[in-house]
């Protein structure tokens, strides 16, 4: 049972909105010279979450999580970056190195 005749229009609008948010986050991340991994680490998220957000494939996100991303990127209310909108503290250290190893890294042969 459909309650609204414009249900498809709402889903289409949501899809467009997700893409717009993702584009804004990606542009701000690149301006700050951060990788997805660095942004995710600073916002206490997984890199895949940032990837899905930037590509519009993230189905749901808490407002607090989006606020953390915006805070890390130091975006002002108009969506532009601003050093005036900084979190308190001395900044963020670099994330730790990845834990997984690629084949042949450190002399380890791939499993067959």
N, C-alpha and C. Protein backbone atom coordinates (compact mmCIF):
# COMPACT_ATOMS: atom_id res chain seq x y z
N UNK A 1 0.83 -1.17 0.00
CA UNK A 1 0.00 0.00 0.00
C UNK A 1 0.88 1.24 0.00
N UNK A 2 0.64 2.11 -0.93
CA UNK A 2 1.41 3.35 -1.04
C UNK A 2 0.65 4.49 -0.40
N UNK A 3 1.34 5.24 0.43
CA UNK A 3 0.70 6.38 1.10
C UNK A 3 0.81 7.65 0.27
N UNK A 4 1.88 7.76 -0.49
CA UNK A 4 2.07 8.96 -1.28
C UNK A 4 2.29 8.57 -2.73
N UNK A 5 1.81 9.38 -3.62
CA UNK A 5 2.03 9.12 -5.03
C UNK A 5 3.43 9.51 -5.46
N UNK A 6 4.10 10.29 -4.67
CA UNK A 6 5.42 10.79 -5.03
C UNK A 6 6.54 10.02 -4.34
N UNK A 7 6.27 8.80 -3.92
CA UNK A 7 7.26 8.01 -3.18
C UNK A 7 8.56 7.83 -3.97
N UNK A 8 8.45 7.57 -5.28
CA UNK A 8 9.65 7.42 -6.11
C UNK A 8 10.42 8.72 -6.19
N UNK A 9 9.70 9.85 -6.20
CA UNK A 9 10.37 11.15 -6.24
C UNK A 9 11.18 11.39 -4.97
N UNK A 10 10.65 10.95 -3.83
CA UNK A 10 11.36 11.11 -2.57
C UNK A 10 12.64 10.27 -2.59
N UNK A 11 12.55 9.03 -3.05
CA UNK A 11 13.75 8.18 -3.13
C UNK A 11 14.78 8.78 -4.07
N UNK A 12 14.33 9.35 -5.16
CA UNK A 12 15.24 10.00 -6.10
C UNK A 12 15.91 11.20 -5.45
N UNK A 13 15.15 11.96 -4.69
CA UNK A 13 15.70 13.13 -4.00
C UNK A 13 16.72 12.70 -2.95
N UNK A 14 16.45 11.61 -2.24
CA UNK A 14 17.40 11.09 -1.25
C UNK A 14 18.70 10.70 -1.95
N UNK A 15 18.59 10.02 -3.07
CA UNK A 15 19.79 9.61 -3.82
C UNK A 15 20.62 10.83 -4.23
N UNK A 16 19.96 11.85 -4.74
CA UNK A 16 20.66 13.07 -5.14
C UNK A 16 21.30 13.73 -3.92
N UNK A 17 20.57 13.79 -2.81
CA UNK A 17 21.09 14.40 -1.59
C UNK A 17 22.32 13.68 -1.07
N UNK A 18 22.31 12.34 -1.12
CA UNK A 18 23.48 11.57 -0.67
C UNK A 18 24.69 11.87 -1.54
N UNK A 19 24.47 12.01 -2.84
CA UNK A 19 25.58 12.32 -3.75
C UNK A 19 26.15 13.71 -3.47
N UNK A 20 25.26 14.67 -3.20
CA UNK A 20 25.71 16.04 -2.90
C UNK A 20 26.54 16.06 -1.62
N UNK A 21 26.06 15.41 -0.57
CA UNK A 21 26.82 15.35 0.69
C UNK A 21 28.17 14.69 0.45
N UNK A 22 28.17 13.59 -0.28
CA UNK A 22 29.43 12.88 -0.56
C UNK A 22 30.41 13.74 -1.33
N UNK A 23 29.91 14.49 -2.32
CA UNK A 23 30.79 15.36 -3.10
C UNK A 23 31.39 16.47 -2.23
N UNK A 24 30.58 17.03 -1.34
CA UNK A 24 31.07 18.09 -0.46
C UNK A 24 32.15 17.55 0.47
N UNK A 25 31.92 16.37 1.06
CA UNK A 25 32.90 15.77 1.97
C UNK A 25 34.19 15.45 1.22
N UNK A 26 34.07 14.88 0.03
CA UNK A 26 35.27 14.52 -0.75
C UNK A 26 36.08 15.76 -1.10
N UNK A 27 35.40 16.81 -1.56
CA UNK A 27 36.10 18.04 -1.93
C UNK A 27 36.83 18.63 -0.72
N UNK A 28 36.17 18.67 0.43
CA UNK A 28 36.79 19.22 1.63
C UNK A 28 37.96 18.35 2.09
N UNK A 29 37.80 17.03 1.98
CA UNK A 29 38.88 16.11 2.38
C UNK A 29 40.12 16.32 1.50
N UNK A 30 39.90 16.46 0.20
CA UNK A 30 41.03 16.66 -0.71
C UNK A 30 41.69 18.02 -0.49
N UNK A 31 40.91 19.04 -0.17
CA UNK A 31 41.50 20.35 0.13
C UNK A 31 42.36 20.32 1.38
N UNK A 32 42.02 19.47 2.31
CA UNK A 32 42.82 19.31 3.53
C UNK A 32 43.96 18.32 3.34
N UNK A 33 44.09 17.80 2.12
CA UNK A 33 45.15 16.83 1.79
C UNK A 33 45.09 15.61 2.70
N UNK A 34 43.89 15.11 2.93
CA UNK A 34 43.71 13.91 3.74
C UNK A 34 43.29 12.75 2.84
N UNK A 35 43.77 11.57 3.17
CA UNK A 35 43.27 10.37 2.52
C UNK A 35 41.96 9.97 3.21
N UNK A 36 41.22 9.08 2.58
CA UNK A 36 40.01 8.56 3.23
C UNK A 36 40.38 7.90 4.55
N UNK A 37 41.48 7.21 4.56
CA UNK A 37 41.93 6.51 5.77
C UNK A 37 42.25 7.49 6.89
N UNK A 38 42.92 8.58 6.57
CA UNK A 38 43.26 9.57 7.58
C UNK A 38 42.00 10.23 8.15
N UNK A 39 41.07 10.61 7.26
CA UNK A 39 39.82 11.22 7.71
C UNK A 39 39.04 10.25 8.59
N UNK A 40 38.96 9.02 8.15
CA UNK A 40 38.22 8.01 8.92
C UNK A 40 38.84 7.83 10.30
N UNK A 41 40.16 7.77 10.37
CA UNK A 41 40.84 7.55 11.64
C UNK A 41 40.58 8.72 12.59
N UNK A 42 40.63 9.94 12.06
CA UNK A 42 40.42 11.12 12.90
C UNK A 42 38.98 11.23 13.37
N UNK A 43 38.03 10.74 12.57
CA UNK A 43 36.62 10.79 12.94
C UNK A 43 36.16 9.51 13.64
N UNK A 44 37.10 8.60 13.92
CA UNK A 44 36.82 7.31 14.59
C UNK A 44 35.86 6.45 13.78
N UNK A 45 36.10 6.36 12.48
CA UNK A 45 35.28 5.57 11.57
C UNK A 45 36.15 4.61 10.78
N UNK A 46 35.51 3.75 10.02
CA UNK A 46 36.22 2.87 9.09
C UNK A 46 36.41 3.61 7.77
N UNK A 47 37.49 3.31 7.07
CA UNK A 47 37.74 3.92 5.77
C UNK A 47 36.62 3.62 4.80
N UNK A 48 36.04 2.43 4.90
CA UNK A 48 34.96 2.06 3.99
C UNK A 48 33.73 2.95 4.20
N UNK A 49 33.53 3.45 5.41
CA UNK A 49 32.41 4.36 5.66
C UNK A 49 32.60 5.66 4.89
N UNK A 50 33.81 6.19 4.90
CA UNK A 50 34.11 7.42 4.16
C UNK A 50 33.93 7.16 2.67
N UNK A 51 34.40 6.04 2.19
CA UNK A 51 34.26 5.69 0.78
C UNK A 51 32.80 5.62 0.37
N UNK A 52 31.99 4.92 1.17
CA UNK A 52 30.57 4.79 0.85
C UNK A 52 29.85 6.14 0.94
N UNK A 53 30.26 6.99 1.88
CA UNK A 53 29.67 8.33 1.99
C UNK A 53 29.99 9.15 0.74
N UNK A 54 31.25 9.13 0.32
CA UNK A 54 31.67 9.93 -0.82
C UNK A 54 31.06 9.47 -2.14
N UNK A 55 30.72 8.20 -2.24
CA UNK A 55 30.14 7.68 -3.48
C UNK A 55 28.63 7.60 -3.45
N UNK A 56 28.02 8.05 -2.35
CA UNK A 56 26.57 8.04 -2.24
C UNK A 56 25.97 6.68 -1.99
N UNK A 57 26.78 5.71 -1.55
CA UNK A 57 26.29 4.36 -1.30
C UNK A 57 26.01 4.08 0.17
N UNK A 58 26.23 5.06 1.03
CA UNK A 58 25.99 4.88 2.46
C UNK A 58 24.50 5.02 2.72
N UNK A 59 23.89 4.01 3.29
CA UNK A 59 22.44 3.99 3.47
C UNK A 59 21.97 4.76 4.69
N UNK A 60 22.77 4.86 5.71
CA UNK A 60 22.36 5.58 6.90
C UNK A 60 23.56 6.03 7.69
N UNK A 61 23.42 7.15 8.37
CA UNK A 61 24.51 7.67 9.18
C UNK A 61 23.90 8.52 10.28
N UNK A 62 24.42 8.37 11.47
CA UNK A 62 23.95 9.19 12.58
C UNK A 62 24.42 10.63 12.37
N UNK A 63 23.63 11.55 12.83
CA UNK A 63 23.97 12.96 12.72
C UNK A 63 25.28 13.26 13.45
N UNK A 64 25.50 12.60 14.57
CA UNK A 64 26.74 12.79 15.34
C UNK A 64 27.96 12.37 14.51
N UNK A 65 27.83 11.30 13.74
CA UNK A 65 28.94 10.84 12.90
C UNK A 65 29.23 11.84 11.80
N UNK A 66 28.18 12.35 11.14
CA UNK A 66 28.37 13.36 10.11
C UNK A 66 28.98 14.62 10.71
N UNK A 67 28.56 14.99 11.93
CA UNK A 67 29.12 16.15 12.60
C UNK A 67 30.61 15.95 12.89
N UNK A 68 31.01 14.73 13.24
CA UNK A 68 32.43 14.44 13.48
C UNK A 68 33.24 14.63 12.21
N UNK A 69 32.71 14.18 11.09
CA UNK A 69 33.41 14.33 9.81
C UNK A 69 33.55 15.80 9.47
N UNK A 70 32.47 16.55 9.61
CA UNK A 70 32.50 17.99 9.32
C UNK A 70 33.47 18.71 10.26
N UNK A 71 33.49 18.30 11.52
CA UNK A 71 34.42 18.91 12.48
C UNK A 71 35.86 18.63 12.15
N UNK A 72 36.17 17.40 11.77
CA UNK A 72 37.55 17.05 11.39
C UNK A 72 37.97 17.85 10.16
N UNK A 73 37.06 18.03 9.23
CA UNK A 73 37.37 18.77 8.01
C UNK A 73 37.35 20.29 8.22
N UNK A 74 36.89 20.72 9.41
CA UNK A 74 36.82 22.14 9.76
C UNK A 74 36.04 22.94 8.73
N UNK A 75 34.84 22.48 8.47
CA UNK A 75 33.97 23.17 7.52
C UNK A 75 33.11 24.18 8.25
N UNK A 76 32.89 25.33 7.63
CA UNK A 76 32.05 26.34 8.26
C UNK A 76 30.59 26.11 7.87
N UNK A 77 29.66 26.88 8.41
CA UNK A 77 28.24 26.63 8.12
C UNK A 77 27.86 26.73 6.65
N UNK A 78 28.68 27.38 5.82
CA UNK A 78 28.38 27.48 4.39
C UNK A 78 29.00 26.34 3.59
N UNK A 79 29.60 25.38 4.28
CA UNK A 79 30.19 24.24 3.60
C UNK A 79 31.61 24.47 3.13
N UNK A 80 32.16 25.62 3.47
CA UNK A 80 33.54 25.92 3.10
C UNK A 80 34.45 25.64 4.28
N UNK A 81 35.72 25.40 3.98
CA UNK A 81 36.68 25.13 5.04
C UNK A 81 37.08 26.43 5.71
N UNK A 82 37.28 26.38 6.99
CA UNK A 82 37.66 27.56 7.74
C UNK A 82 38.50 27.14 8.94
N UNK A 83 39.60 27.83 9.15
CA UNK A 83 40.42 27.54 10.33
C UNK A 83 39.77 28.09 11.59
N UNK A 84 38.78 28.96 11.42
CA UNK A 84 38.08 29.52 12.57
C UNK A 84 37.27 28.45 13.29
N UNK A 85 36.79 27.47 12.58
CA UNK A 85 35.95 26.41 13.13
C UNK A 85 36.81 25.21 13.46
N UNK A 86 37.68 25.34 14.43
CA UNK A 86 38.58 24.26 14.78
C UNK A 86 38.13 23.59 16.07
N UNK A 87 38.37 22.31 16.12
CA UNK A 87 38.14 21.58 17.36
C UNK A 87 39.24 21.95 18.34
N UNK A 88 38.95 21.85 19.61
CA UNK A 88 39.97 22.14 20.61
C UNK A 88 40.95 20.98 20.64
N UNK A 89 42.15 21.25 21.05
CA UNK A 89 43.17 20.21 21.11
C UNK A 89 44.33 20.55 20.21
N UNK A 90 45.32 19.70 20.22
CA UNK A 90 46.55 19.98 19.48
C UNK A 90 46.57 19.35 18.10
N UNK A 91 45.47 18.86 17.61
CA UNK A 91 45.45 18.23 16.30
C UNK A 91 45.50 16.72 16.42
N UNK A 92 45.65 16.07 15.30
CA UNK A 92 45.59 14.62 15.26
C UNK A 92 46.92 14.06 14.78
N UNK A 93 47.42 13.02 15.42
CA UNK A 93 48.60 12.34 14.90
C UNK A 93 48.21 11.50 13.68
N UNK A 94 49.19 10.97 13.02
CA UNK A 94 48.93 10.11 11.86
C UNK A 94 48.33 8.79 12.31
N UNK A 95 47.48 8.20 11.48
CA UNK A 95 46.94 6.88 11.84
C UNK A 95 48.04 5.83 11.79
N UNK A 96 47.86 4.74 12.51
CA UNK A 96 48.87 3.68 12.46
C UNK A 96 48.89 3.03 11.08
N UNK A 97 49.98 2.35 10.79
CA UNK A 97 50.11 1.67 9.50
C UNK A 97 49.07 0.55 9.39
N UNK A 98 48.66 0.22 8.16
CA UNK A 98 47.70 -0.87 7.99
C UNK A 98 48.24 -2.17 8.56
N UNK A 99 47.35 -3.03 9.04
CA UNK A 99 47.77 -4.30 9.65
C UNK A 99 47.92 -5.42 8.63
N UNK A 100 47.18 -5.37 7.56
CA UNK A 100 47.28 -6.47 6.60
C UNK A 100 48.52 -6.30 5.74
N UNK A 101 49.01 -7.43 5.24
CA UNK A 101 50.19 -7.41 4.39
C UNK A 101 49.81 -7.83 2.99
N UNK A 102 50.44 -7.21 2.05
CA UNK A 102 50.23 -7.58 0.66
C UNK A 102 51.11 -8.79 0.33
N UNK A 103 50.72 -9.56 -0.67
CA UNK A 103 51.58 -10.68 -1.07
C UNK A 103 52.99 -10.20 -1.42
N UNK A 104 53.96 -10.96 -1.03
CA UNK A 104 55.38 -10.71 -1.26
C UNK A 104 55.92 -9.52 -0.46
N UNK A 105 55.14 -8.98 0.44
CA UNK A 105 55.65 -7.90 1.29
C UNK A 105 56.47 -8.54 2.41
N UNK A 106 57.63 -8.04 2.64
CA UNK A 106 58.56 -8.55 3.66
C UNK A 106 58.97 -10.01 3.35
N UNK A 107 59.10 -10.34 2.08
CA UNK A 107 59.57 -11.66 1.70
C UNK A 107 58.56 -12.77 1.87
N UNK A 108 57.31 -12.45 2.14
CA UNK A 108 56.28 -13.49 2.33
C UNK A 108 55.64 -13.78 0.97
N UNK A 109 55.64 -15.02 0.60
CA UNK A 109 55.02 -15.45 -0.65
C UNK A 109 53.51 -15.62 -0.47
N UNK A 110 52.72 -15.35 -1.50
CA UNK A 110 51.28 -15.52 -1.36
C UNK A 110 50.92 -16.99 -1.19
N UNK A 111 49.86 -17.24 -0.44
CA UNK A 111 49.39 -18.62 -0.24
C UNK A 111 48.73 -19.14 -1.50
N UNK A 112 48.93 -20.41 -1.80
CA UNK A 112 48.34 -20.99 -3.02
C UNK A 112 47.43 -22.12 -2.68
